[in-house]
Amino acid sequence: MSRTSERTSRAPQVAVELPGFTLAALRTGGETNPPVLLVPGWTGSKEDFGPILEPLGEAGYLVTAVDLRGQFRSPFRPDGDYSPIALGNDLQLAAAALGGSSARALVRGPGRASCSAC
């Protein structure tokens, strides 16, 4: 994570509460706006989306950028399972919590997060 990306967003840090675990996140935009879930690549973090968080929020979306389990500020998986299926299940729970079937996801970077979102 670069210090530059941390400084490029004023989006508040929030916790996305899911069954049995919590994901660290940044969120901006109106609560009634269509939800967008931003997912970093395997070695990234939610701060990678700093430059686009506020513009997306200002464009009329409720934008949530998450750290997947084991990334930056989110806890590790107790079972150690970071397979695309396990991460995909986490993303399904996050998308459901943020807007159900109306949630849109933007995945950045190569690796397991990209595969998990498919």
Protein backbone atom coordinates (compact mmCIF):
# COMPACT_ATOMS: atom_id res chain seq x y z
CA MET A 1 0.00 0.00 0.00
CA SER A 2 1.37 3.39 -0.87
CA ARG A 3 1.08 6.39 1.40
CA THR A 4 0.00 8.39 -1.67
CA SER A 5 -3.13 6.28 -2.14
CA GLU A 6 -3.97 6.68 1.56
CA ARG A 7 -3.89 10.46 1.18
CA THR A 8 -5.92 10.63 -2.02
CA SER A 9 -9.26 9.80 -0.42
CA ARG A 10 -11.21 11.44 2.37
CA ALA A 11 -13.63 8.50 2.43
CA PRO A 12 -14.29 7.34 5.99
CA GLN A 13 -13.10 3.96 7.21
CA VAL A 14 -16.00 1.64 7.97
CA ALA A 15 -16.50 -1.99 8.92
CA VAL A 16 -18.60 -4.26 6.73
CA GLU A 17 -20.17 -6.67 9.21
CA LEU A 18 -20.72 -10.12 7.71
CA PRO A 19 -21.74 -13.44 9.30
CA GLY A 20 -18.76 -14.48 11.41
CA PHE A 21 -16.29 -11.82 10.27
CA THR A 22 -15.78 -8.17 9.40
CA LEU A 23 -14.11 -6.57 6.38
CA ALA A 24 -12.30 -3.25 6.70
CA ALA A 25 -13.58 -0.79 4.11
CA LEU A 26 -13.72 2.78 2.85
CA ARG A 27 -17.14 4.16 1.90
CA THR A 28 -18.47 7.26 0.19
CA GLY A 29 -21.67 8.32 -1.55
CA GLY A 30 -25.31 8.48 -0.56
CA GLU A 31 -26.85 5.56 1.31
CA THR A 32 -29.75 5.40 -1.16
CA ASN A 33 -27.48 5.41 -4.24
CA PRO A 34 -26.82 2.22 -6.24
CA PRO A 35 -24.06 0.22 -4.51
CA VAL A 36 -20.65 -0.46 -6.04
CA LEU A 37 -18.17 -2.86 -4.42
CA LEU A 38 -14.48 -2.24 -5.18
CA VAL A 39 -12.21 -5.27 -4.74
CA PRO A 40 -8.42 -4.95 -4.82
CA GLY A 41 -6.03 -7.45 -6.36
CA TRP A 42 -4.40 -10.11 -4.20
CA THR A 43 -1.52 -7.91 -3.02
CA GLY A 44 -3.54 -4.69 -2.93
CA SER A 45 -5.82 -2.97 -0.46
CA LYS A 46 -8.88 -0.76 -0.37
CA GLU A 47 -6.59 2.28 -0.46
CA ASP A 48 -5.68 1.42 -4.06
CA PHE A 49 -9.05 2.92 -5.01
CA GLY A 50 -8.38 6.26 -3.30
CA PRO A 51 -8.29 8.32 -6.51
CA ILE A 52 -11.67 7.05 -7.75
CA LEU A 53 -13.71 6.68 -4.55
CA GLU A 54 -14.97 10.24 -4.30
CA PRO A 55 -15.57 10.75 -8.04
CA LEU A 56 -17.73 7.60 -8.08
CA GLY A 57 -19.59 8.75 -4.98
CA GLU A 58 -20.16 12.17 -6.53
CA ALA A 59 -21.40 10.45 -9.71
CA GLY A 60 -24.29 8.97 -7.74
CA TYR A 61 -23.07 5.66 -6.32
CA LEU A 62 -22.65 4.27 -2.82
CA VAL A 63 -19.05 3.13 -3.15
CA THR A 64 -17.44 0.62 -0.80
CA ALA A 65 -13.81 -0.46 -1.24
CA VAL A 66 -12.88 -3.48 0.89
CA ASP A 67 -9.83 -5.29 2.14
CA LEU A 68 -10.49 -8.99 1.64
CA ARG A 69 -9.74 -11.31 4.55
CA GLY A 70 -6.01 -11.32 5.17
CA GLN A 71 -5.44 -8.02 3.33
CA PHE A 72 -4.19 -4.92 5.16
CA ARG A 73 -6.77 -4.16 7.91
CA SER A 74 -9.12 -7.14 7.51
CA PRO A 75 -8.55 -10.20 9.71
CA PHE A 76 -7.03 -13.42 8.45
CA ARG A 77 -9.19 -16.46 7.74
CA PRO A 78 -8.99 -18.83 10.73
CA ASP A 79 -9.04 -21.84 8.39
CA GLY A 80 -6.27 -20.42 6.16
CA ASP A 81 -8.38 -21.03 3.04
CA TYR A 82 -7.66 -18.28 0.51
CA SER A 83 -8.81 -20.23 -2.52
CA PRO A 84 -10.80 -18.39 -5.21
CA ILE A 85 -13.92 -20.23 -4.03
CA ALA A 86 -13.48 -19.14 -0.39
CA LEU A 87 -12.77 -15.53 -1.38
CA GLY A 88 -15.66 -15.62 -3.84
CA ASN A 89 -17.98 -16.72 -1.04
CA ASP A 90 -16.78 -13.77 1.04
CA LEU A 91 -17.44 -11.43 -1.89
CA GLN A 92 -20.95 -12.82 -2.33
CA LEU A 93 -21.67 -12.11 1.34
CA ALA A 94 -20.24 -8.59 1.01
CA ALA A 95 -22.24 -7.85 -2.13
CA ALA A 96 -25.43 -9.11 -0.47
CA ALA A 97 -24.79 -6.96 2.61
CA LEU A 98 -24.16 -3.88 0.47
CA GLY A 99 -27.08 -4.12 -1.89
CA GLY A 100 -28.03 -7.63 -2.77
CA SER A 101 -28.44 -8.33 -6.46
CA SER A 102 -28.15 -4.65 -7.33
CA ALA A 103 -24.51 -4.41 -6.13
CA ARG A 104 -21.92 -3.96 -8.86
CA ALA A 105 -18.29 -5.02 -8.42
CA LEU A 106 -15.12 -3.52 -9.83
CA VAL A 107 -12.08 -5.73 -9.42
CA ARG A 108 -8.62 -4.30 -9.80
CA GLY A 109 -5.44 -6.22 -10.36
CA PRO A 110 -4.43 -9.75 -11.16
CA GLY A 111 -4.72 -12.72 -8.94
CA ARG A 112 -7.19 -14.48 -6.73
CA ALA A 113 -9.50 -11.53 -6.10
CA SER A 114 -10.08 -11.23 -9.84
CA CYS A 115 -10.78 -14.95 -10.16
CA SER A 116 -12.97 -14.95 -7.05
CA ALA A 117 -15.25 -12.24 -8.38
CA CYS A 118 -16.15 -14.22 -11.50
